[in-house]
Amino acid sequence: MLIIGIILFGMLIGAVAQLVVGRSASGIDWTLAFVAGVAGSFLGGLLISLLAGDGLELRPSGIIGSLAGAIIVTAAYSAWKARSTRA
């Protein structure tokens, strides 16, 4: 059940990151939402939770860090894809 929760949370955070970055002109790419959400959670959520002293619990610092990490991953992917299409 925890794995399903992590997947759904990752997809939600990834979708929000796409809306923030502005990549959702053609709709939400759910594969990118999943990858960015899960990777962003590990990248930002875990790091900020540990730095804030929250441990590995679901706290607002972890949710904000997850969103920040997902935004970074989504923006990096968008920049890489735009660069590869120009070349």
C-alpha atoms as a PDB file:
ATOM      1  CA  MET A   1       0.000   0.000   0.000  1.00  0.00           C
ATOM      2  CA  LEU A   2       2.928   2.339   0.720  1.00  0.00           C
ATOM      3  CA  ILE A   3       4.295   1.838  -2.799  1.00  0.00           C
ATOM      4  CA  ILE A   4       0.952   2.829  -4.346  1.00  0.00           C
ATOM      5  CA  GLY A   5       0.882   5.938  -2.133  1.00  0.00           C
ATOM      6  CA  ILE A   6       4.419   6.889  -3.189  1.00  0.00           C
ATOM      7  CA  ILE A   7       3.545   6.446  -6.867  1.00  0.00           C
ATOM      8  CA  LEU A   8       0.371   8.544  -6.590  1.00  0.00           C
ATOM      9  CA  PHE A   9       2.115  11.236  -4.551  1.00  0.00           C
ATOM     10  CA  GLY A  10       4.954  11.335  -7.081  1.00  0.00           C
ATOM     11  CA  MET A  11       2.561  11.688  -9.992  1.00  0.00           C
ATOM     12  CA  LEU A  12       0.654  14.469  -8.236  1.00  0.00           C
ATOM     13  CA  ILE A  13       3.820  16.395  -7.391  1.00  0.00           C
ATOM     14  CA  GLY A  14       5.161  15.858 -10.924  1.00  0.00           C
ATOM     15  CA  ALA A  15       1.929  17.145 -12.463  1.00  0.00           C
ATOM     16  CA  VAL A  16       2.023  20.245 -10.263  1.00  0.00           C
ATOM     17  CA  ALA A  17       5.665  20.782 -11.267  1.00  0.00           C
ATOM     18  CA  GLN A  18       4.665  20.685 -14.949  1.00  0.00           C
ATOM     19  CA  LEU A  19       1.987  23.294 -14.281  1.00  0.00           C
ATOM     20  CA  VAL A  20       4.496  25.517 -12.468  1.00  0.00           C
ATOM     21  CA  VAL A  21       7.154  25.185 -15.178  1.00  0.00           C
ATOM     22  CA  GLY A  22       4.534  25.804 -17.862  1.00  0.00           C
ATOM     23  CA  ARG A  23       5.137  22.586 -19.769  1.00  0.00           C
ATOM     24  CA  SER A  24       1.437  21.642 -19.738  1.00  0.00           C
ATOM     25  CA  ALA A  25       0.457  23.433 -22.976  1.00  0.00           C
ATOM     26  CA  SER A  26      -0.282  20.080 -24.617  1.00  0.00           C
ATOM     27  CA  GLY A  27      -1.519  18.451 -21.424  1.00  0.00           C
ATOM     28  CA  ILE A  28       0.275  16.683 -18.640  1.00  0.00           C
ATOM     29  CA  ASP A  29       2.830  14.059 -19.632  1.00  0.00           C
ATOM     30  CA  TRP A  30       2.101  11.426 -16.969  1.00  0.00           C
ATOM     31  CA  THR A  31       5.325   9.524 -17.576  1.00  0.00           C
ATOM     32  CA  LEU A  32       7.328  12.689 -16.957  1.00  0.00           C
ATOM     33  CA  ALA A  33       5.067  13.499 -13.999  1.00  0.00           C
ATOM     34  CA  PHE A  34       5.850  10.119 -12.430  1.00  0.00           C
ATOM     35  CA  VAL A  35       9.597  10.308 -13.061  1.00  0.00           C
ATOM     36  CA  ALA A  36       9.900  13.953 -11.994  1.00  0.00           C
ATOM     37  CA  GLY A  37       7.724  13.417  -8.935  1.00  0.00           C
ATOM     38  CA  VAL A  38       9.573  10.373  -7.647  1.00  0.00           C
ATOM     39  CA  ALA A  39      13.026  11.709  -8.556  1.00  0.00           C
ATOM     40  CA  GLY A  40      12.106  15.129  -7.162  1.00  0.00           C
ATOM     41  CA  SER A  41      10.922  13.560  -3.924  1.00  0.00           C
ATOM     42  CA  PHE A  42      14.242  11.855  -3.476  1.00  0.00           C
ATOM     43  CA  LEU A  43      16.209  14.869  -4.663  1.00  0.00           C
ATOM     44  CA  GLY A  44      14.456  17.620  -2.747  1.00  0.00           C
ATOM     45  CA  GLY A  45      12.087  16.115  -0.210  1.00  0.00           C
ATOM     46  CA  LEU A  46      14.544  13.790   1.426  1.00  0.00           C
ATOM     47  CA  LEU A  47      17.303  16.388   1.507  1.00  0.00           C
ATOM     48  CA  ILE A  48      15.149  19.164   2.986  1.00  0.00           C
ATOM     49  CA  SER A  49      13.485  16.805   5.483  1.00  0.00           C
ATOM     50  CA  LEU A  50      16.860  15.635   6.724  1.00  0.00           C
ATOM     51  CA  LEU A  51      18.288  19.168   6.861  1.00  0.00           C
ATOM     52  CA  ALA A  52      15.234  20.420   8.775  1.00  0.00           C
ATOM     53  CA  GLY A  53      15.627  17.611  11.289  1.00  0.00           C
ATOM     54  CA  ASP A  54      12.256  16.034  10.464  1.00  0.00           C
ATOM     55  CA  GLY A  55      13.700  12.627   9.706  1.00  0.00           C
ATOM     56  CA  LEU A  56      11.912  10.519   7.141  1.00  0.00           C
ATOM     57  CA  GLU A  57       8.366  11.552   8.013  1.00  0.00           C
ATOM     58  CA  LEU A  58       5.797  13.260   5.803  1.00  0.00           C
ATOM     59  CA  ARG A  59       6.036  16.885   6.873  1.00  0.00           C
ATOM     60  CA  PRO A  60       5.499  20.194   5.070  1.00  0.00           C
ATOM     61  CA  SER A  61       9.254  20.628   4.572  1.00  0.00           C
ATOM     62  CA  GLY A  62       9.344  17.289   2.747  1.00  0.00           C
ATOM     63  CA  ILE A  63       6.369  18.175   0.558  1.00  0.00           C
ATOM     64  CA  ILE A  64       7.860  21.564  -0.350  1.00  0.00           C
ATOM     65  CA  GLY A  65      11.214  19.931  -1.023  1.00  0.00           C
ATOM     66  CA  SER A  66       9.543  17.294  -3.194  1.00  0.00           C
ATOM     67  CA  LEU A  67       7.851  19.991  -5.243  1.00  0.00           C
ATOM     68  CA  ALA A  68      11.101  21.964  -5.562  1.00  0.00           C
ATOM     69  CA  GLY A  69      12.976  18.833  -6.643  1.00  0.00           C
ATOM     70  CA  ALA A  70      10.265  17.932  -9.164  1.00  0.00           C
ATOM     71  CA  ILE A  71      10.361  21.464 -10.594  1.00  0.00           C
ATOM     72  CA  ILE A  72      14.140  21.162 -11.016  1.00  0.00           C
ATOM     73  CA  VAL A  73      13.829  17.771 -12.721  1.00  0.00           C
ATOM     74  CA  THR A  74      11.002  18.973 -15.017  1.00  0.00           C
ATOM     75  CA  ALA A  75      12.840  22.171 -15.972  1.00  0.00           C
ATOM     76  CA  ALA A  76      16.061  20.250 -16.636  1.00  0.00           C
ATOM     77  CA  TYR A  77      14.214  17.742 -18.833  1.00  0.00           C
ATOM     78  CA  SER A  78      12.445  20.513 -20.740  1.00  0.00           C
ATOM     79  CA  ALA A  79      15.748  22.331 -21.335  1.00  0.00           C
ATOM     80  CA  TRP A  80      17.465  19.106 -22.430  1.00  0.00           C
ATOM     81  CA  LYS A  81      14.622  18.214 -24.797  1.00  0.00           C
ATOM     82  CA  ALA A  82      14.566  21.722 -26.314  1.00  0.00           C
ATOM     83  CA  ARG A  83      18.328  21.592 -26.782  1.00  0.00           C
ATOM     84  CA  SER A  84      18.255  18.153 -28.425  1.00  0.00           C
ATOM     85  CA  THR A  85      15.523  19.200 -30.891  1.00  0.00           C
ATOM     86  CA  ARG A  86      17.534  22.250 -31.970  1.00  0.00           C
ATOM     87  CA  ALA A  87      20.643  20.214 -32.749  1.00  0.00           C
END
